[in-house]
Amino acid sequence: MTRARTSIAFLTLIGVFAGPALAAEEIPARAPGLWESVSRTEDGVTTARQCIDATTDRKARETTAGAVSCTKNEVTRTADGYATETLCKVGPLTAEGRGRITGDFTTSVTIETTTTLTGLPDAAGPTVRKTVIENRRVGDCGPGQKPGDIILEDGSVAPTPGTPR
């Protein structure tokens, strides 16, 4: 994934992970275990797995919140989940987003976001990115996996920001 695509993916998900750390409504943490995430954007589909423990989501939110400047972080409980609204900056990039989060947080979570990005290199104006991430718990973490480990499609492992390796 290129640096620009990584930044775009990061900004697209700010509302999900950074917002709840500062908002009045708290999004629940996922149940411990191995979670598979399938992310769909206009650029394609990306699949990864992550080993989660009771504190992984909280640590990721705290780390993300420290790296991002958000002037708006609203999380509202809805009849079927949560709605998010954010306005954040990372360096020269600005992300204004709306999202919807549904699921039971024990076996599945679906995140749908629409983010308007400004300040992208080589972009003539604002860029709208739609992302759907389907997360499902696939079992317990495997041997040698540590909470926070992200197992990428190629089998390489990266720690979640804020988690020791």
Protein backbone atom coordinates (compact mmCIF):
# COMPACT_ATOMS: atom_id res chain seq x y z
CA MET A 1 0.00 0.00 0.00
CA THR A 2 1.44 3.39 -0.92
CA ARG A 3 2.04 6.14 1.62
CA ALA A 4 -0.91 8.16 0.21
CA ARG A 5 -3.28 5.17 0.41
CA THR A 6 -2.08 4.47 3.96
CA SER A 7 -2.78 8.09 4.96
CA ILE A 8 -6.21 7.98 3.33
CA ALA A 9 -7.10 4.73 5.10
CA PHE A 10 -5.88 6.20 8.38
CA LEU A 11 -7.95 9.36 7.98
CA THR A 12 -11.02 7.42 6.89
CA LEU A 13 -11.03 5.48 10.15
CA ILE A 14 -10.24 8.35 12.51
CA GLY A 15 -13.91 8.81 13.31
CA VAL A 16 -14.14 5.22 14.45
CA PHE A 17 -11.05 5.01 16.63
CA ALA A 18 -10.13 8.54 17.73
CA GLY A 19 -13.61 9.96 18.05
CA PRO A 20 -14.86 7.71 20.84
CA ALA A 21 -11.84 8.56 22.99
CA LEU A 22 -13.04 12.17 23.17
CA ALA A 23 -16.79 11.86 22.66
CA ALA A 24 -19.61 11.62 25.19
CA GLU A 25 -20.76 8.22 23.88
CA GLU A 26 -18.25 5.38 24.10
CA ILE A 27 -18.16 2.70 21.40
CA PRO A 28 -17.72 -0.73 23.02
CA ALA A 29 -14.47 -2.65 22.63
CA ARG A 30 -14.53 -5.85 20.59
CA ALA A 31 -14.48 -9.20 22.39
CA PRO A 32 -11.01 -10.74 22.86
CA GLY A 33 -9.81 -13.12 20.15
CA LEU A 34 -8.74 -13.14 16.51
CA TRP A 35 -10.76 -10.74 14.33
CA GLU A 36 -10.78 -10.67 10.53
CA SER A 37 -11.43 -7.31 8.86
CA VAL A 38 -12.44 -7.02 5.21
CA SER A 39 -12.16 -3.39 4.02
CA ARG A 40 -13.88 -2.38 0.80
CA THR A 41 -13.16 0.92 -0.98
CA GLU A 42 -13.21 2.05 -4.59
CA ASP A 43 -9.53 1.04 -4.64
CA GLY A 44 -10.34 -2.59 -3.89
CA VAL A 45 -10.58 -5.03 -1.01
CA THR A 46 -8.06 -5.51 1.79
CA THR A 47 -8.19 -8.29 4.38
CA ALA A 48 -6.28 -8.43 7.66
CA ARG A 49 -6.57 -10.24 10.97
CA GLN A 50 -5.91 -8.77 14.40
CA CYS A 51 -5.35 -10.39 17.78
CA ILE A 52 -7.50 -8.47 20.30
CA ASP A 53 -7.47 -8.46 24.10
CA ALA A 54 -9.56 -6.47 26.57
CA THR A 55 -7.45 -3.31 26.13
CA THR A 56 -6.37 -3.34 22.45
CA ASP A 57 -9.14 -1.07 21.09
CA ARG A 58 -8.75 1.43 23.95
CA LYS A 59 -4.95 1.62 23.45
CA ALA A 60 -5.37 2.15 19.71
CA ARG A 61 -7.88 4.96 20.31
CA GLU A 62 -5.57 6.67 22.81
CA THR A 63 -2.58 6.49 20.46
CA THR A 64 -4.58 7.66 17.44
CA ALA A 65 -6.12 10.53 19.41
CA GLY A 66 -2.62 11.75 20.32
CA ALA A 67 -1.50 11.81 16.67
CA VAL A 68 -4.56 13.55 15.22
CA SER A 69 -6.03 17.00 15.77
CA CYS A 70 -9.83 16.73 15.75
CA THR A 71 -12.13 19.70 16.28
CA LYS A 72 -15.25 17.56 16.01
CA ASN A 73 -15.73 14.09 17.49
CA GLU A 74 -19.36 13.17 17.88
CA VAL A 75 -20.58 9.67 18.62
CA THR A 76 -24.31 9.17 18.99
CA ARG A 77 -26.14 6.00 20.00
CA THR A 78 -28.73 5.01 17.38
CA ALA A 79 -31.43 2.34 17.33
CA ASP A 80 -29.08 -0.16 15.66
CA GLY A 81 -25.59 1.01 16.71
CA TYR A 82 -23.67 4.28 16.57
CA ALA A 83 -23.36 7.29 14.28
CA THR A 84 -20.11 9.27 14.09
CA GLU A 85 -19.22 12.73 12.82
CA THR A 86 -15.65 13.97 12.76
CA LEU A 87 -13.45 16.79 11.52
CA CYS A 88 -9.76 16.01 11.87
CA LYS A 89 -6.33 17.03 10.57
CA VAL A 90 -3.15 15.05 10.11
CA GLY A 91 -0.41 17.30 8.76
CA PRO A 92 -1.71 18.97 5.58
CA LEU A 93 -4.67 16.57 5.25
CA THR A 94 -8.16 17.38 6.54
CA ALA A 95 -10.81 14.68 6.90
CA GLU A 96 -14.48 15.40 7.46
CA GLY A 97 -16.45 12.23 7.97
CA ARG A 98 -19.68 10.56 8.85
CA GLY A 99 -19.95 6.94 9.84
CA ARG A 100 -22.26 4.21 11.01
CA ILE A 101 -21.18 1.35 13.26
CA THR A 102 -23.36 -1.71 13.83
CA GLY A 103 -22.88 -5.16 15.31
CA ASP A 104 -22.76 -6.94 18.62
CA PHE A 105 -18.98 -6.35 19.25
CA THR A 106 -18.78 -10.00 20.37
CA THR A 107 -18.90 -11.75 16.99
CA SER A 108 -19.22 -8.96 14.40
CA VAL A 109 -18.90 -5.22 13.80
CA THR A 110 -19.60 -3.36 10.54
CA ILE A 111 -18.23 0.13 9.95
CA GLU A 112 -19.42 2.28 7.06
CA THR A 113 -17.78 5.68 6.52
CA THR A 114 -17.93 8.51 4.03
CA THR A 115 -14.98 10.87 4.37
CA THR A 116 -14.21 14.05 2.45
CA LEU A 117 -10.46 14.59 2.25
CA THR A 118 -8.81 17.88 1.38
CA GLY A 119 -5.11 18.57 1.01
CA LEU A 120 -4.25 15.35 -0.83
CA PRO A 121 -1.20 15.64 -3.08
CA ASP A 122 -2.11 15.68 -6.79
CA ALA A 123 -5.84 16.15 -6.06
CA ALA A 124 -7.60 18.99 -7.88
CA GLY A 125 -10.03 19.41 -4.99
CA PRO A 126 -11.76 17.49 -2.22
CA THR A 127 -11.87 13.70 -2.56
CA VAL A 128 -14.76 11.65 -1.19
CA ARG A 129 -13.88 8.17 0.07
CA LYS A 130 -16.45 5.54 1.00
CA THR A 131 -15.31 2.58 3.08
CA VAL A 132 -17.10 -0.48 4.42
CA ILE A 133 -15.23 -2.63 6.93
CA GLU A 134 -16.75 -5.93 7.99
CA ASN A 135 -15.16 -7.35 11.13
CA ARG A 136 -15.88 -10.81 12.43
CA ARG A 137 -14.39 -12.81 15.26
CA VAL A 138 -12.87 -15.99 13.83
CA GLY A 139 -11.68 -17.64 17.05
CA ASP A 140 -8.92 -17.35 19.59
CA CYS A 141 -5.58 -15.76 18.80
CA GLY A 142 -3.05 -18.21 17.38
CA PRO A 143 0.14 -19.49 18.96
CA GLY A 144 2.75 -16.73 19.17
CA GLN A 145 0.25 -13.95 18.42
CA LYS A 146 0.24 -11.07 20.87
CA PRO A 147 -2.69 -8.73 21.55
CA GLY A 148 -2.47 -5.89 19.04
CA ASP A 149 -0.72 -7.91 16.33
CA ILE A 150 -2.14 -7.24 12.87
CA ILE A 151 -1.62 -10.09 10.42
CA LEU A 152 -1.58 -8.67 6.88
CA GLU A 153 -2.63 -10.47 3.69
CA ASP A 154 0.99 -11.38 2.92
CA GLY A 155 1.41 -12.98 6.36
CA SER A 156 3.59 -10.21 7.78
CA VAL A 157 2.76 -8.97 11.27
CA ALA A 158 2.56 -5.36 12.45
CA PRO A 159 1.67 -4.22 15.96
CA THR A 160 -1.29 -1.91 16.56
CA PRO A 161 -0.09 1.60 17.46
CA GLY A 162 0.21 1.86 21.23
CA THR A 163 0.66 -1.86 21.87
CA PRO A 164 4.01 -3.38 22.83
CA ARG A 165 5.45 -6.05 20.55
